[in-house]
Amino acid sequence: MIKPKMFKKGDTVALVSLSAGIAGEANFIHRYELGKKRLEDKFGLNVVTMPNALKGIKYLDETRA
């Protein structure tokens, strides 16, 4: 098994959404914000949110093939 190197302060990480699309919903957005803040403040990481990560359930329903 190949283990990746541990993160260090200043590294960049990307946040993505669950396949259910709930990360962008009003009743879950606080979890995203709390997680992002913890990654930045506690671990010193640079957090980038992927473009579709917070689009929500409606977006998924409208674009599902």
PDB file of N, CA and C in Angstrom:
ATOM      1  N   MET A   1       0.836  -1.173   0.000  1.00  0.00           N
ATOM      2  CA  MET A   1       0.000   0.000   0.000  1.00  0.00           C
ATOM      3  C   MET A   1       0.886   1.242   0.000  1.00  0.00           C
ATOM      4  N   ILE A   2       0.535   2.190  -0.843  1.00  0.00           N
ATOM      5  CA  ILE A   2       1.258   3.453  -0.887  1.00  0.00           C
ATOM      6  C   ILE A   2       0.511   4.461  -0.030  1.00  0.00           C
ATOM      7  N   LYS A   3       1.184   4.991   0.967  1.00  0.00           N
ATOM      8  CA  LYS A   3       0.564   5.973   1.842  1.00  0.00           C
ATOM      9  C   LYS A   3       1.023   7.368   1.431  1.00  0.00           C
ATOM     10  N   PRO A   4       0.077   8.280   1.268  1.00  0.00           N
ATOM     11  CA  PRO A   4       0.482   9.647   0.909  1.00  0.00           C
ATOM     12  C   PRO A   4       1.167  10.338   2.081  1.00  0.00           C
ATOM     13  N   LYS A   5       1.944  11.365   1.775  1.00  0.00           N
ATOM     14  CA  LYS A   5       2.592  12.146   2.823  1.00  0.00           C
ATOM     15  C   LYS A   5       1.530  12.892   3.616  1.00  0.00           C
ATOM     16  N   MET A   6       1.818  13.140   4.882  1.00  0.00           N
ATOM     17  CA  MET A   6       0.895  13.894   5.721  1.00  0.00           C
ATOM     18  C   MET A   6       0.813  15.334   5.249  1.00  0.00           C
ATOM     19  N   PHE A   7      -0.342  15.937   5.451  1.00  0.00           N
ATOM     20  CA  PHE A   7      -0.491  17.348   5.136  1.00  0.00           C
ATOM     21  C   PHE A   7       0.399  18.173   6.056  1.00  0.00           C
ATOM     22  N   LYS A   8       0.819  19.302   5.534  1.00  0.00           N
ATOM     23  CA  LYS A   8       1.549  20.246   6.375  1.00  0.00           C
ATOM     24  C   LYS A   8       0.954  21.632   6.147  1.00  0.00           C
ATOM     25  N   LYS A   9       1.197  22.537   7.083  1.00  0.00           N
ATOM     26  CA  LYS A   9       0.651  23.890   6.971  1.00  0.00           C
ATOM     27  C   LYS A   9       1.001  24.487   5.613  1.00  0.00           C
ATOM     28  N   GLY A  10       0.002  25.109   5.014  1.00  0.00           N
ATOM     29  CA  GLY A  10       0.193  25.731   3.713  1.00  0.00           C
ATOM     30  C   GLY A  10      -0.194  24.856   2.538  1.00  0.00           C
ATOM     31  N   ASP A  11      -0.387  23.542   2.768  1.00  0.00           N
ATOM     32  CA  ASP A  11      -0.834  22.660   1.696  1.00  0.00           C
ATOM     33  C   ASP A  11      -2.245  23.046   1.269  1.00  0.00           C
ATOM     34  N   THR A  12      -2.592  22.730   0.039  1.00  0.00           N
ATOM     35  CA  THR A  12      -3.922  23.014  -0.484  1.00  0.00           C
ATOM     36  C   THR A  12      -4.725  21.724  -0.566  1.00  0.00           C
ATOM     37  N   VAL A  13      -5.968  21.796  -0.082  1.00  0.00           N
ATOM     38  CA  VAL A  13      -6.892  20.665  -0.175  1.00  0.00           C
ATOM     39  C   VAL A  13      -8.166  21.154  -0.857  1.00  0.00           C
ATOM     40  N   ALA A  14      -8.839  20.253  -1.545  1.00  0.00           N
ATOM     41  CA  ALA A  14     -10.084  20.597  -2.227  1.00  0.00           C
ATOM     42  C   ALA A  14     -11.258  19.951  -1.507  1.00  0.00           C
ATOM     43  N   LEU A  15     -12.332  20.715  -1.368  1.00  0.00           N
ATOM     44  CA  LEU A  15     -13.552  20.180  -0.790  1.00  0.00           C
ATOM     45  C   LEU A  15     -14.518  19.853  -1.915  1.00  0.00           C
ATOM     46  N   VAL A  16     -15.091  18.676  -1.835  1.00  0.00           N
ATOM     47  CA  VAL A  16     -16.074  18.227  -2.819  1.00  0.00           C
ATOM     48  C   VAL A  16     -17.372  17.915  -2.084  1.00  0.00           C
ATOM     49  N   SER A  17     -18.419  17.669  -2.832  1.00  0.00           N
ATOM     50  CA  SER A  17     -19.726  17.407  -2.237  1.00  0.00           C
ATOM     51  C   SER A  17     -20.048  15.920  -2.270  1.00  0.00           C
ATOM     52  N   LEU A  18     -20.904  15.530  -1.351  1.00  0.00           N
ATOM     53  CA  LEU A  18     -21.447  14.175  -1.395  1.00  0.00           C
ATOM     54  C   LEU A  18     -22.272  14.016  -2.666  1.00  0.00           C
ATOM     55  N   SER A  19     -22.420  12.822  -3.148  1.00  0.00           N
ATOM     56  CA  SER A  19     -23.182  12.606  -4.374  1.00  0.00           C
ATOM     57  C   SER A  19     -24.653  12.971  -4.204  1.00  0.00           C
ATOM     58  N   ALA A  20     -25.136  13.041  -2.967  1.00  0.00           N
ATOM     59  CA  ALA A  20     -26.522  13.424  -2.717  1.00  0.00           C
ATOM     60  C   ALA A  20     -26.742  14.919  -2.919  1.00  0.00           C
ATOM     61  N   GLY A  21     -25.688  15.717  -2.947  1.00  0.00           N
ATOM     62  CA  GLY A  21     -25.801  17.149  -3.181  1.00  0.00           C
ATOM     63  C   GLY A  21     -26.229  17.952  -1.975  1.00  0.00           C
ATOM     64  N   ILE A  22     -26.185  17.369  -0.801  1.00  0.00           N
ATOM     65  CA  ILE A  22     -26.717  18.072   0.368  1.00  0.00           C
ATOM     66  C   ILE A  22     -25.779  19.128   0.950  1.00  0.00           C
ATOM     67  N   ALA A  23     -24.529  19.147   0.573  1.00  0.00           N
ATOM     68  CA  ALA A  23     -23.580  20.096   1.165  1.00  0.00           C
ATOM     69  C   ALA A  23     -23.992  21.544   0.940  1.00  0.00           C
ATOM     70  N   GLY A  24     -24.673  21.829  -0.151  1.00  0.00           N
ATOM     71  CA  GLY A  24     -25.084  23.195  -0.442  1.00  0.00           C
ATOM     72  C   GLY A  24     -26.454  23.565   0.073  1.00  0.00           C
ATOM     73  N   GLU A  25     -27.127  22.642   0.705  1.00  0.00           N
ATOM     74  CA  GLU A  25     -28.466  22.913   1.218  1.00  0.00           C
ATOM     75  C   GLU A  25     -28.403  23.742   2.499  1.00  0.00           C
ATOM     76  N   ALA A  26     -29.415  24.571   2.712  1.00  0.00           N
ATOM     77  CA  ALA A  26     -29.438  25.511   3.842  1.00  0.00           C
ATOM     78  C   ALA A  26     -29.268  24.814   5.192  1.00  0.00           C
ATOM     79  N   ASN A  27     -29.840  23.637   5.352  1.00  0.00           N
ATOM     80  CA  ASN A  27     -29.746  22.956   6.650  1.00  0.00           C
ATOM     81  C   ASN A  27     -28.451  22.168   6.826  1.00  0.00           C
ATOM     82  N   PHE A  28     -27.557  22.202   5.855  1.00  0.00           N
ATOM     83  CA  PHE A  28     -26.262  21.516   5.963  1.00  0.00           C
ATOM     84  C   PHE A  28     -25.065  22.431   5.736  1.00  0.00           C
ATOM     85  N   ILE A  29     -25.284  23.625   5.215  1.00  0.00           N
ATOM     86  CA  ILE A  29     -24.174  24.508   4.860  1.00  0.00           C
ATOM     87  C   ILE A  29     -23.298  24.833   6.067  1.00  0.00           C
ATOM     88  N   HIS A  30     -23.886  24.864   7.252  1.00  0.00           N
ATOM     89  CA  HIS A  30     -23.096  25.155   8.452  1.00  0.00           C
ATOM     90  C   HIS A  30     -22.026  24.091   8.686  1.00  0.00           C
ATOM     91  N   ARG A  31     -22.314  22.850   8.293  1.00  0.00           N
ATOM     92  CA  ARG A  31     -21.313  21.782   8.434  1.00  0.00           C
ATOM     93  C   ARG A  31     -20.135  22.019   7.498  1.00  0.00           C
ATOM     94  N   TYR A  32     -20.429  22.456   6.289  1.00  0.00           N
ATOM     95  CA  TYR A  32     -19.369  22.788   5.336  1.00  0.00           C
ATOM     96  C   TYR A  32     -18.506  23.915   5.896  1.00  0.00           C
ATOM     97  N   GLU A  33     -19.173  24.981   6.360  1.00  0.00           N
ATOM     98  CA  GLU A  33     -18.442  26.141   6.869  1.00  0.00           C
ATOM     99  C   GLU A  33     -17.587  25.785   8.085  1.00  0.00           C
ATOM    100  N   LEU A  34     -18.119  24.967   8.983  1.00  0.00           N
ATOM    101  CA  LEU A  34     -17.369  24.545  10.165  1.00  0.00           C
ATOM    102  C   LEU A  34     -16.160  23.692   9.770  1.00  0.00           C
ATOM    103  N   GLY A  35     -16.360  22.748   8.867  1.00  0.00           N
ATOM    104  CA  GLY A  35     -15.255  21.911   8.406  1.00  0.00           C
ATOM    105  C   GLY A  35     -14.160  22.709   7.728  1.00  0.00           C
ATOM    106  N   LYS A  36     -14.557  23.646   6.877  1.00  0.00           N
ATOM    107  CA  LYS A  36     -13.577  24.496   6.188  1.00  0.00           C
ATOM    108  C   LYS A  36     -12.787  25.322   7.198  1.00  0.00           C
ATOM    109  N   LYS A  37     -13.492  25.917   8.157  1.00  0.00           N
ATOM    110  CA  LYS A  37     -12.826  26.732   9.180  1.00  0.00           C
ATOM    111  C   LYS A  37     -11.839  25.898   9.986  1.00  0.00           C
ATOM    112  N   ARG A  38     -12.217  24.696  10.344  1.00  0.00           N
ATOM    113  CA  ARG A  38     -11.320  23.830  11.116  1.00  0.00           C
ATOM    114  C   ARG A  38     -10.076  23.469  10.319  1.00  0.00           C
ATOM    115  N   LEU A  39     -10.246  23.143   9.050  1.00  0.00           N
ATOM    116  CA  LEU A  39      -9.085  22.810   8.216  1.00  0.00           C
ATOM    117  C   LEU A  39      -8.129  23.992   8.100  1.00  0.00           C
ATOM    118  N   GLU A  40      -8.697  25.186   7.980  1.00  0.00           N
ATOM    119  CA  GLU A  40      -7.862  26.381   7.844  1.00  0.00           C
ATOM    120  C   GLU A  40      -7.223  26.775   9.175  1.00  0.00           C
ATOM    121  N   ASP A  41      -8.036  26.866  10.229  1.00  0.00           N
ATOM    122  CA  ASP A  41      -7.548  27.377  11.513  1.00  0.00           C
ATOM    123  C   ASP A  41      -6.719  26.361  12.290  1.00  0.00           C
ATOM    124  N   LYS A  42      -7.196  25.151  12.382  1.00  0.00           N
ATOM    125  CA  LYS A  42      -6.518  24.139  13.198  1.00  0.00           C
ATOM    126  C   LYS A  42      -5.302  23.526  12.502  1.00  0.00           C
ATOM    127  N   PHE A  43      -5.443  23.295  11.194  1.00  0.00           N
ATOM    128  CA  PHE A  43      -4.377  22.597  10.475  1.00  0.00           C
ATOM    129  C   PHE A  43      -3.571  23.499   9.552  1.00  0.00           C
ATOM    130  N   GLY A  44      -4.008  24.741   9.364  1.00  0.00           N
ATOM    131  CA  GLY A  44      -3.263  25.682   8.526  1.00  0.00           C
ATOM    132  C   GLY A  44      -3.290  25.350   7.052  1.00  0.00           C
ATOM    133  N   LEU A  45      -4.354  24.679   6.606  1.00  0.00           N
ATOM    134  CA  LEU A  45      -4.451  24.286   5.200  1.00  0.00           C
ATOM    135  C   LEU A  45      -5.127  25.375   4.376  1.00  0.00           C
ATOM    136  N   ASN A  46      -4.777  25.424   3.108  1.00  0.00           N
ATOM    137  CA  ASN A  46      -5.430  26.300   2.149  1.00  0.00           C
ATOM    138  C   ASN A  46      -6.582  25.493   1.548  1.00  0.00           C
ATOM    139  N   VAL A  47      -7.799  25.930   1.770  1.00  0.00           N
ATOM    140  CA  VAL A  47      -8.976  25.160   1.347  1.00  0.00           C
ATOM    141  C   VAL A  47      -9.588  25.767   0.092  1.00  0.00           C
ATOM    142  N   VAL A  48      -9.764  24.931  -0.924  1.00  0.00           N
ATOM    143  CA  VAL A  48     -10.394  25.325  -2.175  1.00  0.00           C
ATOM    144  C   VAL A  48     -11.674  24.497  -2.319  1.00  0.00           C
ATOM    145  N   THR A  49     -12.774  25.169  -2.609  1.00  0.00           N
ATOM    146  CA  THR A  49     -14.044  24.473  -2.802  1.00  0.00           C
ATOM    147  C   THR A  49     -14.249  24.254  -4.295  1.00  0.00           C
ATOM    148  N   MET A  50     -14.507  23.027  -4.675  1.00  0.00           N
ATOM    149  CA  MET A  50     -14.703  22.708  -6.085  1.00  0.00           C
ATOM    150  C   MET A  50     -15.979  23.377  -6.601  1.00  0.00           C
ATOM    151  N   PRO A  51     -16.025  23.726  -7.894  1.00  0.00           N
ATOM    152  CA  PRO A  51     -17.120  24.531  -8.448  1.00  0.00           C
ATOM    153  C   PRO A  51     -18.534  23.994  -8.181  1.00  0.00           C
ATOM    154  N   ASN A  52     -18.740  22.708  -8.222  1.00  0.00           N
ATOM    155  CA  ASN A  52     -20.085  22.166  -8.058  1.00  0.00           C
ATOM    156  C   ASN A  52     -20.385  21.675  -6.645  1.00  0.00           C
ATOM    157  N   ALA A  53     -19.461  21.848  -5.736  1.00  0.00           N
ATOM    158  CA  ALA A  53     -19.597  21.265  -4.402  1.00  0.00           C
ATOM    159  C   ALA A  53     -20.802  21.768  -3.627  1.00  0.00           C
ATOM    160  N   LEU A  54     -21.206  22.985  -3.837  1.00  0.00           N
ATOM    161  CA  LEU A  54     -22.292  23.558  -3.036  1.00  0.00           C
ATOM    162  C   LEU A  54     -23.545  23.884  -3.843  1.00  0.00           C
ATOM    163  N   LYS A  55     -23.703  23.256  -4.992  1.00  0.00           N
ATOM    164  CA  LYS A  55     -24.837  23.577  -5.854  1.00  0.00           C
ATOM    165  C   LYS A  55     -26.158  22.983  -5.375  1.00  0.00           C
ATOM    166  N   GLY A  56     -26.131  21.959  -4.573  1.00  0.00           N
ATOM    167  CA  GLY A  56     -27.351  21.455  -3.955  1.00  0.00           C
ATOM    168  C   GLY A  56     -28.128  20.420  -4.742  1.00  0.00           C
ATOM    169  N   ILE A  57     -29.186  19.968  -4.108  1.00  0.00           N
ATOM    170  CA  ILE A  57     -30.012  18.879  -4.639  1.00  0.00           C
ATOM    171  C   ILE A  57     -30.727  19.283  -5.926  1.00  0.00           C
ATOM    172  N   LYS A  58     -31.260  20.500  -5.969  1.00  0.00           N
ATOM    173  CA  LYS A  58     -31.998  20.951  -7.152  1.00  0.00           C
ATOM    174  C   LYS A  58     -31.110  20.915  -8.397  1.00  0.00           C
ATOM    175  N   TYR A  59     -29.877  21.388  -8.253  1.00  0.00           N
ATOM    176  CA  TYR A  59     -28.937  21.370  -9.375  1.00  0.00           C
ATOM    177  C   TYR A  59     -28.708  19.939  -9.865  1.00  0.00           C
ATOM    178  N   LEU A  60     -28.523  19.011  -8.939  1.00  0.00           N
ATOM    179  CA  LEU A  60     -28.311  17.623  -9.339  1.00  0.00           C
ATOM    180  C   LEU A  60     -29.519  17.056 -10.062  1.00  0.00           C
ATOM    181  N   ASP A  61     -30.705  17.354  -9.557  1.00  0.00           N
ATOM    182  CA  ASP A  61     -31.922  16.854 -10.199  1.00  0.00           C
ATOM    183  C   ASP A  61     -32.087  17.416 -11.613  1.00  0.00           C
ATOM    184  N   GLU A  62     -31.736  18.681 -11.788  1.00  0.00           N
ATOM    185  CA  GLU A  62     -31.897  19.327 -13.097  1.00  0.00           C
ATOM    186  C   GLU A  62     -30.856  18.887 -14.123  1.00  0.00           C
ATOM    187  N   THR A  63     -29.699  18.439 -13.652  1.00  0.00           N
ATOM    188  CA  THR A  63     -28.615  18.094 -14.601  1.00  0.00           C
ATOM    189  C   THR A  63     -28.367  16.594 -14.697  1.00  0.00           C
ATOM    190  N   ARG A  64     -29.121  15.814 -13.997  1.00  0.00           N
ATOM    191  CA  ARG A  64     -28.947  14.362 -14.025  1.00  0.00           C
ATOM    192  C   ARG A  64     -29.380  13.822 -15.375  1.00  0.00           C
ATOM    193  N   ALA A  65     -28.582  12.972 -15.952  1.00  0.00           N
ATOM    194  CA  ALA A  65     -28.887  12.406 -17.275  1.00  0.00           C
ATOM    195  C   ALA A  65     -29.872  11.273 -17.191  1.00  0.00           C
TER     196      ALA A  65
END
